[in-house]
Amino acid sequence: MPDLIPDTDGPSRERIRVIDDDEVHGWAARFGVTPDDVRAAVKAAGDLAVDVQEYLHSHHASNGSDH
């Protein structure tokens, strides 16, 4: 699922750095969720983007969200 990784100039293309607000906002926009959703997903699933995406998909699908 590398096509879901945001285009960033930073070193983190596979991992989400929750200490970087701009990065969290970028991932949130990419996944169609809030920054708080991204932070919660990282806490629950770890910082690998594919794991966060899967977590968000599985938890938001039951809420009627596309992600």
C-alpha atoms as a PDB file:
ATOM      1  CA  MET A   1       0.000   0.000   0.000  1.00  0.00           C
ATOM      2  CA  PRO A   2       2.847   2.433  -0.624  1.00  0.00           C
ATOM      3  CA  ASP A   3       0.577   4.623  -2.737  1.00  0.00           C
ATOM      4  CA  LEU A   4      -1.103   5.720   0.494  1.00  0.00           C
ATOM      5  CA  ILE A   5       2.096   7.179   1.904  1.00  0.00           C
ATOM      6  CA  PRO A   6       1.998  10.992   1.780  1.00  0.00           C
ATOM      7  CA  ASP A   7       4.504  12.801  -0.379  1.00  0.00           C
ATOM      8  CA  THR A   8       6.872  14.290   2.180  1.00  0.00           C
ATOM      9  CA  ASP A   9      10.411  15.571   2.080  1.00  0.00           C
ATOM     10  CA  GLY A  10      11.070  14.315   5.590  1.00  0.00           C
ATOM     11  CA  PRO A  11      12.742  11.072   6.524  1.00  0.00           C
ATOM     12  CA  SER A  12       9.482   9.454   7.565  1.00  0.00           C
ATOM     13  CA  ARG A  13       7.597   8.010   4.615  1.00  0.00           C
ATOM     14  CA  GLU A  14       6.653   4.698   6.218  1.00  0.00           C
ATOM     15  CA  ARG A  15       6.302   5.812   9.819  1.00  0.00           C
ATOM     16  CA  ILE A  16       4.111   8.480  11.332  1.00  0.00           C
ATOM     17  CA  ARG A  17       5.848  10.856  13.713  1.00  0.00           C
ATOM     18  CA  VAL A  18       3.134  12.075  16.070  1.00  0.00           C
ATOM     19  CA  ILE A  19       5.522  14.634  17.547  1.00  0.00           C
ATOM     20  CA  ASP A  20       5.337  16.545  14.246  1.00  0.00           C
ATOM     21  CA  ASP A  21       1.963  18.299  14.057  1.00  0.00           C
ATOM     22  CA  ASP A  22       2.340  19.116  10.365  1.00  0.00           C
ATOM     23  CA  GLU A  23       3.027  15.481   9.590  1.00  0.00           C
ATOM     24  CA  VAL A  24       0.061  14.318  11.657  1.00  0.00           C
ATOM     25  CA  HIS A  25      -2.182  16.788   9.834  1.00  0.00           C
ATOM     26  CA  GLY A  26      -0.870  15.533   6.495  1.00  0.00           C
ATOM     27  CA  TRP A  27      -1.586  11.925   7.384  1.00  0.00           C
ATOM     28  CA  ALA A  28      -5.013  12.884   8.720  1.00  0.00           C
ATOM     29  CA  ALA A  29      -5.892  14.558   5.439  1.00  0.00           C
ATOM     30  CA  ARG A  30      -4.586  11.578   3.508  1.00  0.00           C
ATOM     31  CA  PHE A  31      -6.592   9.090   5.564  1.00  0.00           C
ATOM     32  CA  GLY A  32      -9.689  11.310   5.742  1.00  0.00           C
ATOM     33  CA  VAL A  33      -9.737  11.438   9.532  1.00  0.00           C
ATOM     34  CA  THR A  34      -8.877  13.946  12.237  1.00  0.00           C
ATOM     35  CA  PRO A  35      -5.369  14.442  13.622  1.00  0.00           C
ATOM     36  CA  ASP A  36      -6.627  13.048  16.930  1.00  0.00           C
ATOM     37  CA  ASP A  37      -7.776   9.918  15.086  1.00  0.00           C
ATOM     38  CA  VAL A  38      -4.259   9.524  13.677  1.00  0.00           C
ATOM     39  CA  ARG A  39      -2.690   9.940  17.112  1.00  0.00           C
ATOM     40  CA  ALA A  40      -5.082   7.403  18.642  1.00  0.00           C
ATOM     41  CA  ALA A  41      -4.400   4.943  15.824  1.00  0.00           C
ATOM     42  CA  VAL A  42      -0.639   5.284  16.269  1.00  0.00           C
ATOM     43  CA  LYS A  43      -1.056   4.678  19.992  1.00  0.00           C
ATOM     44  CA  ALA A  44      -3.146   1.566  19.314  1.00  0.00           C
ATOM     45  CA  ALA A  45      -1.431   0.137  16.228  1.00  0.00           C
ATOM     46  CA  GLY A  46       2.100   1.543  16.224  1.00  0.00           C
ATOM     47  CA  ASP A  47       3.697   4.114  13.962  1.00  0.00           C
ATOM     48  CA  LEU A  48       3.869   2.169  10.693  1.00  0.00           C
ATOM     49  CA  ALA A  49       1.629   3.940   8.201  1.00  0.00           C
ATOM     50  CA  VAL A  50       0.188   0.721   6.794  1.00  0.00           C
ATOM     51  CA  ASP A  51      -0.750  -0.461  10.299  1.00  0.00           C
ATOM     52  CA  VAL A  52      -2.332   2.892  11.108  1.00  0.00           C
ATOM     53  CA  GLN A  53      -4.254   2.825   7.845  1.00  0.00           C
ATOM     54  CA  GLU A  54      -5.551  -0.675   8.554  1.00  0.00           C
ATOM     55  CA  TYR A  55      -6.508   0.295  12.100  1.00  0.00           C
ATOM     56  CA  LEU A  56      -8.355   3.392  10.901  1.00  0.00           C
ATOM     57  CA  HIS A  57     -10.086   1.446   8.135  1.00  0.00           C
ATOM     58  CA  SER A  58     -11.273  -1.260  10.502  1.00  0.00           C
ATOM     59  CA  HIS A  59     -12.436   1.183  13.165  1.00  0.00           C
ATOM     60  CA  HIS A  60     -14.036   3.755  10.884  1.00  0.00           C
ATOM     61  CA  ALA A  61     -15.696   1.279   8.522  1.00  0.00           C
ATOM     62  CA  SER A  62     -18.096   0.329  11.292  1.00  0.00           C
ATOM     63  CA  ASN A  63     -18.940   4.021  11.711  1.00  0.00           C
ATOM     64  CA  GLY A  64     -19.937   4.421   8.078  1.00  0.00           C
ATOM     65  CA  SER A  65     -16.709   6.137   7.043  1.00  0.00           C
ATOM     66  CA  ASP A  66     -14.814   5.286   3.886  1.00  0.00           C
ATOM     67  CA  HIS A  67     -11.564   5.099   5.835  1.00  0.00           C
END
